[in-house]
Amino acid sequence: MIASTGSECICSTPKQVRTLIPDERISYIAVAESYPILLALWTEIVREWLSLKRGGGVVTYQGFRMMIENAYASARTGVTADDMPPDKAETTPSPRGLPMSVFTESARIVEVRPGRMGLLGRTEVLALPAGQVVGRVLALNADCTPLIISSINGGLTLDGADVFETIEILRLINRGQPRTEFS
């Protein structure tokens, strides 16, 4: 039996188990952003109640931001037509030996939200070689060794575009903590 009461729906089964289905005013994003806070609060309550010691360490959001700002302070953005998926052991921008274009401006580092840092790259399309196809977007260190490699299967043509912008997101994951995101 299903009974509707305005913006919420109460469902009951013959066993008289009642389930409240939340209304649509609460977005998934609001719930997803609140979940880590709820989980941290729940964890602290359980630790106190069971007299558990705090084990291991974590990287704080502030510490993560500082680590990324220091590690990527001089990072540059580059693109190549090579669209091969990245490999952990790679040390060159293009395994196929295709040329790479490096943006003239350094990547800009921004905090997207706590625990998420972004490396923003931006260039005028006219500053790239004519007909440049983007198969890989690269965050590069000073000697052009790739720090981050993202591939675009089949490549992206920039015909008709004036500006090409990219963002690489780095996310903090503390391995010793409960998961707060699920796919």
Protein backbone atom coordinates (compact mmCIF):
# COMPACT_ATOMS: atom_id res chain seq x y z
CA MET A 1 0.00 0.00 0.00
CA ILE A 2 1.34 3.47 -0.86
CA ALA A 3 -0.10 6.59 0.69
CA SER A 4 0.98 10.02 -0.48
CA THR A 5 1.15 12.85 2.03
CA GLY A 6 2.08 15.97 0.10
CA SER A 7 5.77 15.97 -0.75
CA GLU A 8 6.67 12.67 0.86
CA CYS A 9 5.55 9.15 0.23
CA ILE A 10 5.05 6.58 2.98
CA CYS A 11 5.18 2.98 1.85
CA SER A 12 4.04 0.07 3.97
CA THR A 13 4.06 -3.65 3.42
CA PRO A 14 1.74 -6.24 4.92
CA LYS A 15 4.35 -6.65 7.71
CA GLN A 16 3.70 -3.00 8.64
CA VAL A 17 7.31 -1.99 7.92
CA ARG A 18 7.29 1.70 7.08
CA THR A 19 9.84 3.41 4.88
CA LEU A 20 10.09 7.12 4.39
CA ILE A 21 11.11 8.12 0.89
CA PRO A 22 12.65 11.62 0.97
CA ASP A 23 11.08 14.31 -1.12
CA GLU A 24 12.76 15.87 -4.11
CA ARG A 25 13.58 19.15 -2.35
CA ILE A 26 16.81 17.59 -1.02
CA SER A 27 19.24 17.19 -3.89
CA TYR A 28 21.65 14.30 -4.25
CA ILE A 29 24.54 16.77 -4.23
CA ALA A 30 23.46 18.25 -0.87
CA VAL A 31 23.28 14.75 0.62
CA ALA A 32 26.63 13.72 -0.93
CA GLU A 33 28.35 16.86 0.41
CA SER A 34 26.89 16.32 3.90
CA TYR A 35 27.79 12.62 4.08
CA PRO A 36 31.51 13.05 4.96
CA ILE A 37 30.58 15.34 7.86
CA LEU A 38 27.96 12.88 9.11
CA LEU A 39 30.44 10.01 8.77
CA ALA A 40 33.13 11.89 10.74
CA LEU A 41 30.61 12.68 13.48
CA TRP A 42 29.39 9.06 13.59
CA THR A 43 33.01 7.80 13.74
CA GLU A 44 33.81 10.07 16.69
CA ILE A 45 30.67 8.95 18.55
CA VAL A 46 31.50 5.26 18.01
CA ARG A 47 35.15 5.76 19.06
CA GLU A 48 34.08 7.49 22.27
CA TRP A 49 31.31 4.98 23.04
CA LEU A 50 33.56 1.95 22.48
CA SER A 51 36.66 3.63 23.97
CA LEU A 52 38.63 3.07 20.76
CA LYS A 53 41.96 4.74 20.23
CA ARG A 54 42.45 6.89 17.20
CA GLY A 55 44.77 4.98 14.88
CA GLY A 56 46.94 6.21 12.08
CA GLY A 57 47.02 9.67 10.60
CA VAL A 58 45.24 11.65 7.99
CA VAL A 59 46.05 14.49 5.65
CA THR A 60 43.83 17.46 6.41
CA TYR A 61 42.20 19.55 3.69
CA GLN A 62 44.54 22.43 4.55
CA GLY A 63 47.57 20.12 4.44
CA PHE A 64 46.44 18.68 1.11
CA ARG A 65 46.01 22.17 -0.35
CA MET A 66 49.52 23.14 0.77
CA MET A 67 51.02 19.90 -0.61
CA ILE A 68 49.44 20.46 -4.04
CA GLU A 69 50.36 24.16 -4.13
CA ASN A 70 54.00 23.28 -3.37
CA ALA A 71 54.27 20.26 -5.66
CA TYR A 72 52.58 21.89 -8.66
CA ALA A 73 53.69 25.52 -8.18
CA SER A 74 55.62 25.58 -11.47
CA ALA A 75 53.47 23.08 -13.38
CA ARG A 76 52.73 23.80 -17.03
CA THR A 77 49.96 22.43 -19.20
CA GLY A 78 50.69 20.68 -22.48
CA VAL A 79 48.75 18.86 -25.17
CA THR A 80 49.62 16.25 -27.77
CA ALA A 81 47.62 14.46 -30.46
CA ASP A 82 48.68 11.10 -29.00
CA ASP A 83 45.55 9.60 -27.41
CA MET A 84 47.11 6.46 -25.92
CA PRO A 85 45.78 5.71 -22.42
CA PRO A 86 48.34 6.62 -19.77
CA ASP A 87 50.56 4.08 -18.05
CA LYS A 88 51.94 4.51 -14.50
CA ALA A 89 55.52 4.02 -15.68
CA GLU A 90 55.39 6.66 -18.45
CA THR A 91 58.07 9.32 -18.51
CA THR A 92 57.38 10.90 -21.91
CA PRO A 93 54.41 13.02 -23.00
CA SER A 94 53.77 10.91 -26.11
CA PRO A 95 54.61 7.19 -26.32
CA ARG A 96 54.18 7.44 -30.10
CA GLY A 97 56.69 10.30 -30.29
CA LEU A 98 54.14 12.91 -31.47
CA PRO A 99 54.98 16.58 -30.87
CA MET A 100 53.73 18.33 -27.76
CA SER A 101 52.53 21.91 -27.41
CA VAL A 102 53.16 23.58 -24.04
CA PHE A 103 50.92 26.47 -22.96
CA THR A 104 52.79 29.74 -22.44
CA GLU A 105 51.22 30.41 -19.03
CA SER A 106 51.79 28.20 -15.99
CA ALA A 107 48.86 26.16 -14.74
CA ARG A 108 46.78 27.96 -12.15
CA ILE A 109 46.05 26.10 -8.91
CA VAL A 110 42.59 26.49 -7.36
CA GLU A 111 40.76 24.83 -4.52
CA VAL A 112 37.61 23.45 -6.14
CA ARG A 113 36.25 22.45 -2.74
CA PRO A 114 37.85 21.02 0.41
CA GLY A 115 39.87 17.96 -0.56
CA ARG A 116 39.75 18.80 -4.29
CA MET A 117 42.39 20.89 -6.01
CA GLY A 118 42.33 21.84 -9.66
CA LEU A 119 45.13 22.64 -12.10
CA LEU A 120 43.72 25.03 -14.68
CA GLY A 121 45.36 25.42 -18.07
CA ARG A 122 44.32 28.02 -20.63
CA THR A 123 45.60 29.06 -24.03
CA GLU A 124 44.43 30.80 -27.17
CA VAL A 125 43.88 28.22 -29.91
CA LEU A 126 45.90 30.45 -32.27
CA ALA A 127 48.93 29.90 -29.99
CA LEU A 128 48.81 26.17 -30.83
CA PRO A 129 50.01 24.66 -34.11
CA ALA A 130 47.40 24.83 -36.88
CA GLY A 131 45.10 21.81 -36.79
CA GLN A 132 46.19 20.78 -33.27
CA VAL A 133 44.23 17.74 -32.10
CA VAL A 134 44.11 17.14 -28.34
CA GLY A 135 44.57 13.46 -27.55
CA ARG A 136 46.26 14.03 -24.21
CA VAL A 137 46.21 16.83 -21.70
CA LEU A 138 49.34 16.89 -19.56
CA ALA A 139 50.43 18.59 -16.36
CA LEU A 140 54.19 18.95 -16.76
CA ASN A 141 57.08 19.78 -14.46
CA ALA A 142 59.85 22.20 -15.43
CA ASP A 143 61.71 19.67 -17.63
CA CYS A 144 58.42 18.68 -19.39
CA THR A 145 58.17 15.32 -17.65
CA PRO A 146 54.49 14.45 -17.24
CA LEU A 147 53.10 14.72 -13.72
CA ILE A 148 49.48 14.01 -14.74
CA ILE A 149 48.29 12.48 -18.03
CA SER A 150 44.67 12.49 -19.18
CA SER A 151 43.77 10.97 -22.53
CA ILE A 152 40.84 11.73 -24.81
CA ASN A 153 39.98 8.64 -26.85
CA GLY A 154 39.93 9.60 -30.54
CA GLY A 155 41.19 13.11 -29.78
CA LEU A 156 39.45 16.47 -29.70
CA THR A 157 39.62 18.89 -32.61
CA LEU A 158 39.68 22.59 -31.81
CA ASP A 159 38.13 23.80 -35.08
CA GLY A 160 36.04 26.91 -34.49
CA ALA A 161 37.31 27.43 -30.91
CA ASP A 162 39.09 30.59 -29.80
CA VAL A 163 40.28 29.41 -26.39
CA PHE A 164 41.15 25.97 -25.01
CA GLU A 165 40.76 25.48 -21.26
CA THR A 166 41.38 22.40 -19.18
CA ILE A 167 41.17 21.42 -15.55
CA GLU A 168 42.86 18.46 -13.88
CA ILE A 169 41.26 17.61 -10.53
CA LEU A 170 43.37 16.12 -7.73
CA ARG A 171 41.34 14.53 -4.95
CA LEU A 172 42.39 13.76 -1.39
CA ILE A 173 41.67 10.19 -0.30
CA ASN A 174 42.74 9.20 3.19
CA ARG A 175 43.10 5.41 2.91
CA GLY A 176 42.59 4.76 6.63
CA GLN A 177 39.22 6.50 6.67
CA PRO A 178 35.79 5.17 5.67
CA ARG A 179 34.74 5.85 2.08
CA THR A 180 32.64 8.94 1.52
CA GLU A 181 32.11 8.55 -2.23
CA PHE A 182 30.77 5.63 -4.20
CA SER A 183 30.46 5.05 -7.92
